């Protein structure tokens, strides 16, 4: 068995206090199944949290199947069902999923959540954000630890490949559920995974090395930008029932362009779960809005940006939020 997978990097080099009780976002796929069992094998008190998105007719039966499997492994199992969004499937489903996780955290009194993102996911994320034009902040990719609302999110497998995780389960004779959405070419990530990255390989470009090197460089550059942005205070409040982040307008306006972008990405990260970043088209719209006097509001895919008095606001929701202030 691969040594790195049998003894993963989970919390080994992280200076933060590691949890003893941790939930795993368990879809039944190879990644989350491997993480669930690795944590249990290492002596953690694990819980399995399953979100039934209702994407397929079989999803309810699969949830029952996972519950039975968890019982055989003596792992507490909890599930929530959310409605399938009518549009913007990936982004809306992510929001619903994290809202369900927050409910499960309260119900189980467990606020540490393990996510099974691995090295291949990190490569795809950096590639996707680069293509979106999300800048230095977005190209940092996913972090090993992040606080999202009341949850502490942990990603201990970012140094491990999907192939290694599959080999780990195969050696133990453990099967997993294949997610049909992984072959849905309407999803941009799948186009990157199944078309773009293999095409790069044909031309002898090692996509993993390329994008992981970019991720390291972006992280180092972001540390410098963080220092420059530290003088600008971000605060949270609620407007018309929606969560908002705000910064001083003149302070934000006086920053270098890279720092302006960083602050907006940071505000977005506070409001939403990982995976939501502002892309090039958003910054083009923001720049045009700013050059025309910063009047009205700017729609930014699930949120809006507007100025009121001495503050710049980024809020969940759309025009109804901006019009209410």
C-alpha atoms as a PDB file:
ATOM      1  CA  UNK A   1       0.000   0.000   0.000  1.00  0.00           C
ATOM      2  CA  UNK A   2       1.210   3.478  -0.811  1.00  0.00           C
ATOM      3  CA  UNK A   3       2.839   4.868   2.339  1.00  0.00           C
ATOM      4  CA  UNK A   4       1.507   8.361   1.750  1.00  0.00           C
ATOM      5  CA  UNK A   5      -2.072   7.115   1.594  1.00  0.00           C
ATOM      6  CA  UNK A   6      -1.840   4.636   4.467  1.00  0.00           C
ATOM      7  CA  UNK A   7      -0.436   7.497   6.592  1.00  0.00           C
ATOM      8  CA  UNK A   8      -1.820  10.686   4.998  1.00  0.00           C
ATOM      9  CA  UNK A   9      -0.653  14.189   5.781  1.00  0.00           C
ATOM     10  CA  UNK A  10      -3.725  14.764   7.929  1.00  0.00           C
ATOM     11  CA  UNK A  11      -2.862  17.444  10.502  1.00  0.00           C
ATOM     12  CA  UNK A  12       0.750  16.197  10.595  1.00  0.00           C
ATOM     13  CA  UNK A  13       2.361  19.518   9.665  1.00  0.00           C
ATOM     14  CA  UNK A  14      -0.498  21.836  10.617  1.00  0.00           C
ATOM     15  CA  UNK A  15       0.282  23.990  13.628  1.00  0.00           C
ATOM     16  CA  UNK A  16      -3.371  24.525  14.483  1.00  0.00           C
ATOM     17  CA  UNK A  17      -4.998  22.458  17.167  1.00  0.00           C
ATOM     18  CA  UNK A  18      -6.249  19.341  15.440  1.00  0.00           C
ATOM     19  CA  UNK A  19      -9.751  18.090  16.219  1.00  0.00           C
ATOM     20  CA  UNK A  20     -10.374  14.717  17.817  1.00  0.00           C
ATOM     21  CA  UNK A  21     -13.992  14.616  16.655  1.00  0.00           C
ATOM     22  CA  UNK A  22     -14.582  15.396  13.014  1.00  0.00           C
ATOM     23  CA  UNK A  23     -17.344  14.922  10.457  1.00  0.00           C
ATOM     24  CA  UNK A  24     -16.660  13.915   6.871  1.00  0.00           C
ATOM     25  CA  UNK A  25     -18.691  15.197   3.925  1.00  0.00           C
ATOM     26  CA  UNK A  26     -19.416  11.725   2.563  1.00  0.00           C
ATOM     27  CA  UNK A  27     -20.878  11.375  -0.914  1.00  0.00           C
ATOM     28  CA  UNK A  28     -20.044   7.676  -1.169  1.00  0.00           C
ATOM     29  CA  UNK A  29     -17.453   8.382  -3.870  1.00  0.00           C
ATOM     30  CA  UNK A  30     -13.886   7.178  -3.849  1.00  0.00           C
ATOM     31  CA  UNK A  31     -12.427  10.362  -2.337  1.00  0.00           C
ATOM     32  CA  UNK A  32     -14.745  10.851   0.622  1.00  0.00           C
ATOM     33  CA  UNK A  33     -14.937   7.114   1.349  1.00  0.00           C
ATOM     34  CA  UNK A  34     -11.147   6.942   1.554  1.00  0.00           C
ATOM     35  CA  UNK A  35     -11.012  10.002   3.840  1.00  0.00           C
ATOM     36  CA  UNK A  36     -13.716   8.606   6.121  1.00  0.00           C
ATOM     37  CA  UNK A  37     -11.887   5.307   6.584  1.00  0.00           C
ATOM     38  CA  UNK A  38      -8.427   6.868   6.882  1.00  0.00           C
ATOM     39  CA  UNK A  39      -9.633   9.118   9.683  1.00  0.00           C
ATOM     40  CA  UNK A  40     -11.287   6.224  11.479  1.00  0.00           C
ATOM     41  CA  UNK A  41      -8.160   4.081  11.088  1.00  0.00           C
ATOM     42  CA  UNK A  42      -6.071   6.848  12.641  1.00  0.00           C
ATOM     43  CA  UNK A  43      -8.242   6.939  15.747  1.00  0.00           C
ATOM     44  CA  UNK A  44     -10.383  10.001  15.106  1.00  0.00           C
ATOM     45  CA  UNK A  45     -13.967  10.084  16.346  1.00  0.00           C
ATOM     46  CA  UNK A  46     -15.637  10.383  12.947  1.00  0.00           C
ATOM     47  CA  UNK A  47     -19.167  11.144  11.795  1.00  0.00           C
ATOM     48  CA  UNK A  48     -20.493  10.741   8.268  1.00  0.00           C
ATOM     49  CA  UNK A  49     -22.512  13.661   6.909  1.00  0.00           C
ATOM     50  CA  UNK A  50     -24.303  12.970   3.631  1.00  0.00           C
ATOM     51  CA  UNK A  51     -26.132  15.591   1.569  1.00  0.00           C
ATOM     52  CA  UNK A  52     -28.709  14.172  -0.840  1.00  0.00           C
ATOM     53  CA  UNK A  53     -28.903  16.719  -3.664  1.00  0.00           C
ATOM     54  CA  UNK A  54     -31.676  14.874  -5.448  1.00  0.00           C
ATOM     55  CA  UNK A  55     -29.822  15.057  -8.761  1.00  0.00           C
ATOM     56  CA  UNK A  56     -30.841  11.517  -9.737  1.00  0.00           C
ATOM     57  CA  UNK A  57     -33.849   9.289  -9.106  1.00  0.00           C
ATOM     58  CA  UNK A  58     -31.563   6.886  -7.230  1.00  0.00           C
ATOM     59  CA  UNK A  59     -30.214   9.472  -4.767  1.00  0.00           C
ATOM     60  CA  UNK A  60     -32.620   8.620  -1.908  1.00  0.00           C
ATOM     61  CA  UNK A  61     -31.846   4.907  -2.199  1.00  0.00           C
ATOM     62  CA  UNK A  62     -28.118   5.679  -2.309  1.00  0.00           C
ATOM     63  CA  UNK A  63     -28.467   7.626   0.952  1.00  0.00           C
ATOM     64  CA  UNK A  64     -30.058   4.563   2.575  1.00  0.00           C
ATOM     65  CA  UNK A  65     -27.307   2.380   1.148  1.00  0.00           C
ATOM     66  CA  UNK A  66     -24.668   4.638   2.678  1.00  0.00           C
ATOM     67  CA  UNK A  67     -26.460   4.601   6.027  1.00  0.00           C
ATOM     68  CA  UNK A  68     -26.357   0.807   6.064  1.00  0.00           C
ATOM     69  CA  UNK A  69     -22.669   0.841   5.177  1.00  0.00           C
ATOM     70  CA  UNK A  70     -21.888   3.349   7.912  1.00  0.00           C
ATOM     71  CA  UNK A  71     -23.655   1.116  10.444  1.00  0.00           C
ATOM     72  CA  UNK A  72     -21.439  -1.798   9.394  1.00  0.00           C
ATOM     73  CA  UNK A  73     -18.388   0.373   9.965  1.00  0.00           C
ATOM     74  CA  UNK A  74     -19.796   1.631  13.310  1.00  0.00           C
ATOM     75  CA  UNK A  75     -19.725   5.245  12.108  1.00  0.00           C
ATOM     76  CA  UNK A  76     -22.607   7.594  13.081  1.00  0.00           C
ATOM     77  CA  UNK A  77     -24.471   8.668   9.935  1.00  0.00           C
ATOM     78  CA  UNK A  78     -26.486  11.839   9.359  1.00  0.00           C
ATOM     79  CA  UNK A  79     -28.167  12.987   6.178  1.00  0.00           C
ATOM     80  CA  UNK A  80     -29.998  16.015   4.789  1.00  0.00           C
ATOM     81  CA  UNK A  81     -31.881  16.311   1.511  1.00  0.00           C
ATOM     82  CA  UNK A  82     -31.806  19.578  -0.447  1.00  0.00           C
ATOM     83  CA  UNK A  83     -33.756  20.563  -3.515  1.00  0.00           C
ATOM     84  CA  UNK A  84     -32.083  20.540  -6.918  1.00  0.00           C
ATOM     85  CA  UNK A  85     -31.696  24.144  -8.173  1.00  0.00           C
ATOM     86  CA  UNK A  86     -33.483  25.073 -11.375  1.00  0.00           C
ATOM     87  CA  UNK A  87     -30.446  26.994 -12.656  1.00  0.00           C
ATOM     88  CA  UNK A  88     -26.782  27.700 -11.851  1.00  0.00           C
ATOM     89  CA  UNK A  89     -26.535  24.100 -10.643  1.00  0.00           C
ATOM     90  CA  UNK A  90     -22.989  24.054  -9.242  1.00  0.00           C
ATOM     91  CA  UNK A  91     -23.044  27.374  -7.383  1.00  0.00           C
ATOM     92  CA  UNK A  92     -26.544  27.034  -5.937  1.00  0.00           C
ATOM     93  CA  UNK A  93     -25.954  23.413  -4.893  1.00  0.00           C
ATOM     94  CA  UNK A  94     -22.766  24.471  -3.099  1.00  0.00           C
ATOM     95  CA  UNK A  95     -24.662  27.082  -1.105  1.00  0.00           C
ATOM     96  CA  UNK A  96     -27.400  24.605  -0.182  1.00  0.00           C
ATOM     97  CA  UNK A  97     -24.799  22.009   0.777  1.00  0.00           C
ATOM     98  CA  UNK A  98     -22.961  24.309   3.164  1.00  0.00           C
ATOM     99  CA  UNK A  99     -26.221  25.498   4.692  1.00  0.00           C
ATOM    100  CA  UNK A 100     -27.093  21.843   5.363  1.00  0.00           C
ATOM    101  CA  UNK A 101     -23.638  21.258   6.871  1.00  0.00           C
ATOM    102  CA  UNK A 102     -24.208  24.193   9.236  1.00  0.00           C
ATOM    103  CA  UNK A 103     -27.500  22.625  10.368  1.00  0.00           C
ATOM    104  CA  UNK A 104     -25.793  19.271  10.927  1.00  0.00           C
ATOM    105  CA  UNK A 105     -23.066  20.980  12.935  1.00  0.00           C
ATOM    106  CA  UNK A 106     -25.664  22.374  15.335  1.00  0.00           C
ATOM    107  CA  UNK A 107     -27.545  19.069  15.525  1.00  0.00           C
ATOM    108  CA  UNK A 108     -24.438  16.980  16.240  1.00  0.00           C
ATOM    109  CA  UNK A 109     -22.387  19.611  18.102  1.00  0.00           C
ATOM    110  CA  UNK A 110     -19.516  18.975  15.713  1.00  0.00           C
ATOM    111  CA  UNK A 111     -17.986  21.973  13.965  1.00  0.00           C
ATOM    112  CA  UNK A 112     -14.949  20.384  12.292  1.00  0.00           C
ATOM    113  CA  UNK A 113     -15.630  19.067   8.802  1.00  0.00           C
ATOM    114  CA  UNK A 114     -13.259  17.028   6.652  1.00  0.00           C
ATOM    115  CA  UNK A 115     -13.474  17.544   2.880  1.00  0.00           C
ATOM    116  CA  UNK A 116     -11.934  14.976   0.543  1.00  0.00           C
ATOM    117  CA  UNK A 117     -10.499  17.305  -2.086  1.00  0.00           C
ATOM    118  CA  UNK A 118      -7.237  15.835  -3.392  1.00  0.00           C
ATOM    119  CA  UNK A 119      -4.313  16.896  -5.554  1.00  0.00           C
ATOM    120  CA  UNK A 120      -6.163  16.371  -8.842  1.00  0.00           C
ATOM    121  CA  UNK A 121      -8.979  18.629  -7.581  1.00  0.00           C
ATOM    122  CA  UNK A 122      -6.412  21.279  -6.659  1.00  0.00           C
ATOM    123  CA  UNK A 123      -4.914  21.184 -10.163  1.00  0.00           C
ATOM    124  CA  UNK A 124      -8.367  21.582 -11.747  1.00  0.00           C
ATOM    125  CA  UNK A 125      -9.284  24.402  -9.366  1.00  0.00           C
ATOM    126  CA  UNK A 126      -6.164  26.455 -10.116  1.00  0.00           C
ATOM    127  CA  UNK A 127      -6.634  25.881 -13.851  1.00  0.00           C
ATOM    128  CA  UNK A 128     -10.307  26.874 -13.728  1.00  0.00           C
ATOM    129  CA  UNK A 129      -9.648  30.018 -11.705  1.00  0.00           C
ATOM    130  CA  UNK A 130      -6.814  31.037 -14.007  1.00  0.00           C
ATOM    131  CA  UNK A 131      -9.177  30.718 -16.982  1.00  0.00           C
ATOM    132  CA  UNK A 132     -11.800  32.719 -15.092  1.00  0.00           C
ATOM    133  CA  UNK A 133      -9.272  35.512 -14.605  1.00  0.00           C
ATOM    134  CA  UNK A 134      -9.720  35.432 -10.831  1.00  0.00           C
ATOM    135  CA  UNK A 135      -6.180  36.683 -10.156  1.00  0.00           C
ATOM    136  CA  UNK A 136      -3.647  35.857  -7.475  1.00  0.00           C
ATOM    137  CA  UNK A 137      -6.166  35.206  -4.703  1.00  0.00           C
ATOM    138  CA  UNK A 138      -8.158  32.668  -6.715  1.00  0.00           C
ATOM    139  CA  UNK A 139      -5.060  30.916  -8.059  1.00  0.00           C
ATOM    140  CA  UNK A 140      -4.015  30.026  -4.510  1.00  0.00           C
ATOM    141  CA  UNK A 141      -6.478  27.171  -4.897  1.00  0.00           C
ATOM    142  CA  UNK A 142      -7.929  25.386  -1.894  1.00  0.00           C
ATOM    143  CA  UNK A 143      -6.409  25.637   1.582  1.00  0.00           C
ATOM    144  CA  UNK A 144      -5.786  22.799   4.012  1.00  0.00           C
ATOM    145  CA  UNK A 145      -7.733  24.663   6.691  1.00  0.00           C
ATOM    146  CA  UNK A 146     -10.342  27.381   6.466  1.00  0.00           C
ATOM    147  CA  UNK A 147     -13.081  28.754   8.690  1.00  0.00           C
ATOM    148  CA  UNK A 148     -16.475  29.022   6.966  1.00  0.00           C
ATOM    149  CA  UNK A 149     -19.050  30.549   9.266  1.00  0.00           C
ATOM    150  CA  UNK A 150     -19.286  28.269  12.270  1.00  0.00           C
ATOM    151  CA  UNK A 151     -17.445  25.432  10.522  1.00  0.00           C
ATOM    152  CA  UNK A 152     -13.747  24.603  10.466  1.00  0.00           C
ATOM    153  CA  UNK A 153     -13.068  23.055   7.054  1.00  0.00           C
ATOM    154  CA  UNK A 154     -10.132  20.643   6.745  1.00  0.00           C
ATOM    155  CA  UNK A 155      -8.635  19.277   3.516  1.00  0.00           C
ATOM    156  CA  UNK A 156      -5.951  16.765   4.523  1.00  0.00           C
ATOM    157  CA  UNK A 157      -5.626  15.021   1.141  1.00  0.00           C
ATOM    158  CA  UNK A 158      -4.416  17.880  -1.055  1.00  0.00           C
ATOM    159  CA  UNK A 159      -1.035  16.174  -1.450  1.00  0.00           C
ATOM    160  CA  UNK A 160      -2.610  12.844  -2.468  1.00  0.00           C
ATOM    161  CA  UNK A 161      -3.819  11.872  -5.939  1.00  0.00           C
ATOM    162  CA  UNK A 162      -7.173  10.307  -6.760  1.00  0.00           C
ATOM    163  CA  UNK A 163      -5.361   7.257  -8.136  1.00  0.00           C
ATOM    164  CA  UNK A 164      -3.680   6.671  -4.778  1.00  0.00           C
ATOM    165  CA  UNK A 165      -7.018   6.948  -2.956  1.00  0.00           C
ATOM    166  CA  UNK A 166      -8.615   4.428  -5.318  1.00  0.00           C
ATOM    167  CA  UNK A 167      -5.693   2.030  -4.792  1.00  0.00           C
ATOM    168  CA  UNK A 168      -6.108   2.380  -1.021  1.00  0.00           C
ATOM    169  CA  UNK A 169      -9.752   1.253  -1.211  1.00  0.00           C
ATOM    170  CA  UNK A 170      -9.095  -1.457  -3.802  1.00  0.00           C
ATOM    171  CA  UNK A 171      -6.463  -3.091  -1.608  1.00  0.00           C
ATOM    172  CA  UNK A 172      -9.082  -3.388   1.145  1.00  0.00           C
ATOM    173  CA  UNK A 173     -11.788  -4.643  -1.200  1.00  0.00           C
ATOM    174  CA  UNK A 174     -14.000  -1.609  -0.571  1.00  0.00           C
ATOM    175  CA  UNK A 175     -16.283  -0.351  -3.340  1.00  0.00           C
ATOM    176  CA  UNK A 176     -17.654   3.141  -3.853  1.00  0.00           C
ATOM    177  CA  UNK A 177     -20.409   4.967  -5.721  1.00  0.00           C
ATOM    178  CA  UNK A 178     -19.564   6.595  -9.043  1.00  0.00           C
ATOM    179  CA  UNK A 179     -21.146  10.053  -9.248  1.00  0.00           C
ATOM    180  CA  UNK A 180     -22.868  10.419 -12.658  1.00  0.00           C
ATOM    181  CA  UNK A 181     -22.286  14.179 -12.554  1.00  0.00           C
ATOM    182  CA  UNK A 182     -18.556  13.507 -13.005  1.00  0.00           C
ATOM    183  CA  UNK A 183     -19.204  12.867 -16.699  1.00  0.00           C
ATOM    184  CA  UNK A 184     -21.607  15.780 -17.227  1.00  0.00           C
ATOM    185  CA  UNK A 185     -19.866  17.930 -19.834  1.00  0.00           C
ATOM    186  CA  UNK A 186     -22.186  20.846 -19.081  1.00  0.00           C
ATOM    187  CA  UNK A 187     -20.079  21.395 -15.968  1.00  0.00           C
ATOM    188  CA  UNK A 188     -16.945  23.411 -16.660  1.00  0.00           C
ATOM    189  CA  UNK A 189     -14.788  21.423 -14.231  1.00  0.00           C
ATOM    190  CA  UNK A 190     -15.529  18.241 -16.172  1.00  0.00           C
ATOM    191  CA  UNK A 191     -14.491  19.889 -19.430  1.00  0.00           C
ATOM    192  CA  UNK A 192     -11.167  20.769 -17.800  1.00  0.00           C
ATOM    193  CA  UNK A 193     -10.784  17.286 -16.301  1.00  0.00           C
ATOM    194  CA  UNK A 194     -11.703  15.203 -19.329  1.00  0.00           C
ATOM    195  CA  UNK A 195     -10.738  17.452 -22.249  1.00  0.00           C
ATOM    196  CA  UNK A 196      -8.311  20.277 -21.504  1.00  0.00           C
ATOM    197  CA  UNK A 197      -5.861  18.527 -19.142  1.00  0.00           C
ATOM    198  CA  UNK A 198      -5.598  15.341 -21.297  1.00  0.00           C
ATOM    199  CA  UNK A 199      -5.018  17.559 -24.358  1.00  0.00           C
ATOM    200  CA  UNK A 200      -2.133  19.251 -22.536  1.00  0.00           C
ATOM    201  CA  UNK A 201      -0.675  15.843 -21.742  1.00  0.00           C
ATOM    202  CA  UNK A 202      -0.683  14.972 -25.461  1.00  0.00           C
ATOM    203  CA  UNK A 203       1.730  17.865 -25.981  1.00  0.00           C
ATOM    204  CA  UNK A 204       3.979  16.681 -23.116  1.00  0.00           C
ATOM    205  CA  UNK A 205       2.786  19.390 -20.728  1.00  0.00           C
ATOM    206  CA  UNK A 206       2.599  18.107 -17.165  1.00  0.00           C
ATOM    207  CA  UNK A 207      -0.553  19.939 -16.075  1.00  0.00           C
ATOM    208  CA  UNK A 208      -0.224  18.881 -12.446  1.00  0.00           C
ATOM    209  CA  UNK A 209       3.306  20.294 -12.083  1.00  0.00           C
ATOM    210  CA  UNK A 210       2.408  23.423 -14.030  1.00  0.00           C
ATOM    211  CA  UNK A 211      -0.679  24.413 -12.028  1.00  0.00           C
ATOM    212  CA  UNK A 212       0.665  23.302  -8.646  1.00  0.00           C
ATOM    213  CA  UNK A 213       3.769  25.433  -9.247  1.00  0.00           C
ATOM    214  CA  UNK A 214       1.487  28.346 -10.131  1.00  0.00           C
ATOM    215  CA  UNK A 215      -0.467  27.742  -6.937  1.00  0.00           C
ATOM    216  CA  UNK A 216       2.717  27.967  -4.821  1.00  0.00           C
ATOM    217  CA  UNK A 217       3.783  31.171  -6.580  1.00  0.00           C
ATOM    218  CA  UNK A 218       0.316  32.695  -6.162  1.00  0.00           C
ATOM    219  CA  UNK A 219       0.331  31.850  -2.454  1.00  0.00           C
ATOM    220  CA  UNK A 220       3.694  33.581  -1.934  1.00  0.00           C
ATOM    221  CA  UNK A 221       2.604  36.655  -3.880  1.00  0.00           C
ATOM    222  CA  UNK A 222      -0.685  36.745  -1.973  1.00  0.00           C
ATOM    223  CA  UNK A 223       1.213  36.931   1.323  1.00  0.00           C
ATOM    224  CA  UNK A 224       2.757  40.203   0.162  1.00  0.00           C
ATOM    225  CA  UNK A 225      -0.630  41.543  -0.935  1.00  0.00           C
ATOM    226  CA  UNK A 226      -2.108  40.492   2.443  1.00  0.00           C
ATOM    227  CA  UNK A 227       0.375  42.781   4.206  1.00  0.00           C
ATOM    228  CA  UNK A 228      -0.618  45.712   1.959  1.00  0.00           C
ATOM    229  CA  UNK A 229      -4.332  44.983   2.518  1.00  0.00           C
ATOM    230  CA  UNK A 230      -4.052  44.628   6.299  1.00  0.00           C
ATOM    231  CA  UNK A 231      -4.677  48.353   6.847  1.00  0.00           C
ATOM    232  CA  UNK A 232      -8.209  48.025   5.418  1.00  0.00           C
ATOM    233  CA  UNK A 233     -10.722  46.664   7.913  1.00  0.00           C
ATOM    234  CA  UNK A 234     -13.511  44.355   6.682  1.00  0.00           C
ATOM    235  CA  UNK A 235     -16.636  44.161   8.824  1.00  0.00           C
ATOM    236  CA  UNK A 236     -19.834  42.120   8.545  1.00  0.00           C
ATOM    237  CA  UNK A 237     -23.428  43.178   9.008  1.00  0.00           C
ATOM    238  CA  UNK A 238     -26.922  42.253   7.803  1.00  0.00           C
ATOM    239  CA  UNK A 239     -28.913  44.331   5.304  1.00  0.00           C
ATOM    240  CA  UNK A 240     -32.509  43.395   4.414  1.00  0.00           C
ATOM    241  CA  UNK A 241     -31.916  39.944   5.902  1.00  0.00           C
ATOM    242  CA  UNK A 242     -28.807  39.328   3.781  1.00  0.00           C
ATOM    243  CA  UNK A 243     -25.209  38.979   4.975  1.00  0.00           C
ATOM    244  CA  UNK A 244     -22.925  41.796   3.843  1.00  0.00           C
ATOM    245  CA  UNK A 245     -19.258  42.727   4.095  1.00  0.00           C
ATOM    246  CA  UNK A 246     -18.167  46.335   4.010  1.00  0.00           C
ATOM    247  CA  UNK A 247     -14.938  48.345   3.783  1.00  0.00           C
ATOM    248  CA  UNK A 248     -14.239  52.046   3.875  1.00  0.00           C
ATOM    249  CA  UNK A 249     -14.788  53.330   0.326  1.00  0.00           C
ATOM    250  CA  UNK A 250     -11.887  55.811   0.220  1.00  0.00           C
ATOM    251  CA  UNK A 251      -9.470  53.351   1.812  1.00  0.00           C
ATOM    252  CA  UNK A 252     -10.393  50.738  -0.779  1.00  0.00           C
ATOM    253  CA  UNK A 253     -10.214  53.243  -3.636  1.00  0.00           C
ATOM    254  CA  UNK A 254      -6.688  54.332  -2.695  1.00  0.00           C
ATOM    255  CA  UNK A 255      -5.212  50.819  -2.828  1.00  0.00           C
ATOM    256  CA  UNK A 256      -3.204  49.329  -5.676  1.00  0.00           C
ATOM    257  CA  UNK A 257      -5.323  47.390  -8.148  1.00  0.00           C
ATOM    258  CA  UNK A 258      -4.091  44.002  -6.906  1.00  0.00           C
ATOM    259  CA  UNK A 259      -5.025  44.964  -3.336  1.00  0.00           C
ATOM    260  CA  UNK A 260      -8.510  46.116  -4.411  1.00  0.00           C
ATOM    261  CA  UNK A 261      -9.060  42.750  -6.091  1.00  0.00           C
ATOM    262  CA  UNK A 262      -7.716  40.902  -3.057  1.00  0.00           C
ATOM    263  CA  UNK A 263     -10.059  42.705  -0.674  1.00  0.00           C
ATOM    264  CA  UNK A 264     -13.101  41.944  -2.826  1.00  0.00           C
ATOM    265  CA  UNK A 265     -12.103  38.265  -3.078  1.00  0.00           C
ATOM    266  CA  UNK A 266     -11.617  38.158   0.675  1.00  0.00           C
ATOM    267  CA  UNK A 267     -15.045  39.672   1.266  1.00  0.00           C
ATOM    268  CA  UNK A 268     -16.563  37.124  -1.092  1.00  0.00           C
ATOM    269  CA  UNK A 269     -14.793  34.315   0.775  1.00  0.00           C
ATOM    270  CA  UNK A 270     -16.349  35.508   4.036  1.00  0.00           C
ATOM    271  CA  UNK A 271     -19.837  35.511   2.542  1.00  0.00           C
ATOM    272  CA  UNK A 272     -19.727  32.279   0.564  1.00  0.00           C
ATOM    273  CA  UNK A 273     -18.239  28.812   0.693  1.00  0.00           C
ATOM    274  CA  UNK A 274     -15.021  27.838  -1.060  1.00  0.00           C
ATOM    275  CA  UNK A 275     -15.203  27.652  -4.811  1.00  0.00           C
ATOM    276  CA  UNK A 276     -16.907  31.004  -5.411  1.00  0.00           C
ATOM    277  CA  UNK A 277     -14.526  33.614  -6.793  1.00  0.00           C
ATOM    278  CA  UNK A 278     -14.868  36.734  -8.867  1.00  0.00           C
ATOM    279  CA  UNK A 279     -13.641  36.380 -12.444  1.00  0.00           C
ATOM    280  CA  UNK A 280     -12.349  38.755 -15.098  1.00  0.00           C
ATOM    281  CA  UNK A 281     -15.837  39.703 -16.350  1.00  0.00           C
ATOM    282  CA  UNK A 282     -16.807  40.732 -12.823  1.00  0.00           C
ATOM    283  CA  UNK A 283     -13.785  42.992 -12.439  1.00  0.00           C
ATOM    284  CA  UNK A 284     -14.434  44.566 -15.847  1.00  0.00           C
ATOM    285  CA  UNK A 285     -17.967  45.382 -14.659  1.00  0.00           C
ATOM    286  CA  UNK A 286     -16.683  46.738 -11.330  1.00  0.00           C
ATOM    287  CA  UNK A 287     -14.102  48.927 -13.072  1.00  0.00           C
ATOM    288  CA  UNK A 288     -16.734  50.352 -15.442  1.00  0.00           C
ATOM    289  CA  UNK A 289     -19.067  51.023 -12.487  1.00  0.00           C
ATOM    290  CA  UNK A 290     -16.281  52.790 -10.601  1.00  0.00           C
ATOM    291  CA  UNK A 291     -15.272  54.948 -13.585  1.00  0.00           C
ATOM    292  CA  UNK A 292     -18.891  56.072 -14.015  1.00  0.00           C
ATOM    293  CA  UNK A 293     -19.146  57.452 -10.495  1.00  0.00           C
ATOM    294  CA  UNK A 294     -19.912  54.258  -8.523  1.00  0.00           C
ATOM    295  CA  UNK A 295     -23.634  54.929  -8.724  1.00  0.00           C
ATOM    296  CA  UNK A 296     -26.226  52.175  -8.404  1.00  0.00           C
ATOM    297  CA  UNK A 297     -25.077  48.615  -7.976  1.00  0.00           C
ATOM    298  CA  UNK A 298     -23.171  45.865  -9.792  1.00  0.00           C
ATOM    299  CA  UNK A 299     -24.522  42.318 -10.137  1.00  0.00           C
ATOM    300  CA  UNK A 300     -21.793  39.728  -9.417  1.00  0.00           C
ATOM    301  CA  UNK A 301     -23.384  36.265  -9.775  1.00  0.00           C
ATOM    302  CA  UNK A 302     -25.282  35.716  -6.549  1.00  0.00           C
ATOM    303  CA  UNK A 303     -24.221  38.933  -4.856  1.00  0.00           C
ATOM    304  CA  UNK A 304     -24.101  42.677  -5.512  1.00  0.00           C
ATOM    305  CA  UNK A 305     -21.616  45.473  -4.950  1.00  0.00           C
ATOM    306  CA  UNK A 306     -22.682  49.020  -4.141  1.00  0.00           C
ATOM    307  CA  UNK A 307     -21.564  52.149  -2.344  1.00  0.00           C
ATOM    308  CA  UNK A 308     -23.511  53.822   0.441  1.00  0.00           C
ATOM    309  CA  UNK A 309     -22.064  56.853   2.160  1.00  0.00           C
ATOM    310  CA  UNK A 310     -18.481  56.208   3.217  1.00  0.00           C
ATOM    311  CA  UNK A 311     -18.665  52.432   2.769  1.00  0.00           C
ATOM    312  CA  UNK A 312     -18.405  49.902  -0.050  1.00  0.00           C
ATOM    313  CA  UNK A 313     -20.738  46.927   0.445  1.00  0.00           C
ATOM    314  CA  UNK A 314     -20.623  43.395  -0.964  1.00  0.00           C
ATOM    315  CA  UNK A 315     -23.862  41.570  -0.138  1.00  0.00           C
ATOM    316  CA  UNK A 316     -25.481  38.246  -0.800  1.00  0.00           C
ATOM    317  CA  UNK A 317     -28.446  38.659  -3.117  1.00  0.00           C
ATOM    318  CA  UNK A 318     -29.179  41.036  -5.946  1.00  0.00           C
ATOM    319  CA  UNK A 319     -30.927  44.338  -6.625  1.00  0.00           C
ATOM    320  CA  UNK A 320     -33.495  43.895  -3.844  1.00  0.00           C
ATOM    321  CA  UNK A 321     -30.681  44.185  -1.316  1.00  0.00           C
ATOM    322  CA  UNK A 322     -29.134  47.270  -2.903  1.00  0.00           C
ATOM    323  CA  UNK A 323     -32.521  48.991  -3.276  1.00  0.00           C
ATOM    324  CA  UNK A 324     -33.380  48.440   0.390  1.00  0.00           C
ATOM    325  CA  UNK A 325     -30.577  50.634   1.743  1.00  0.00           C
END
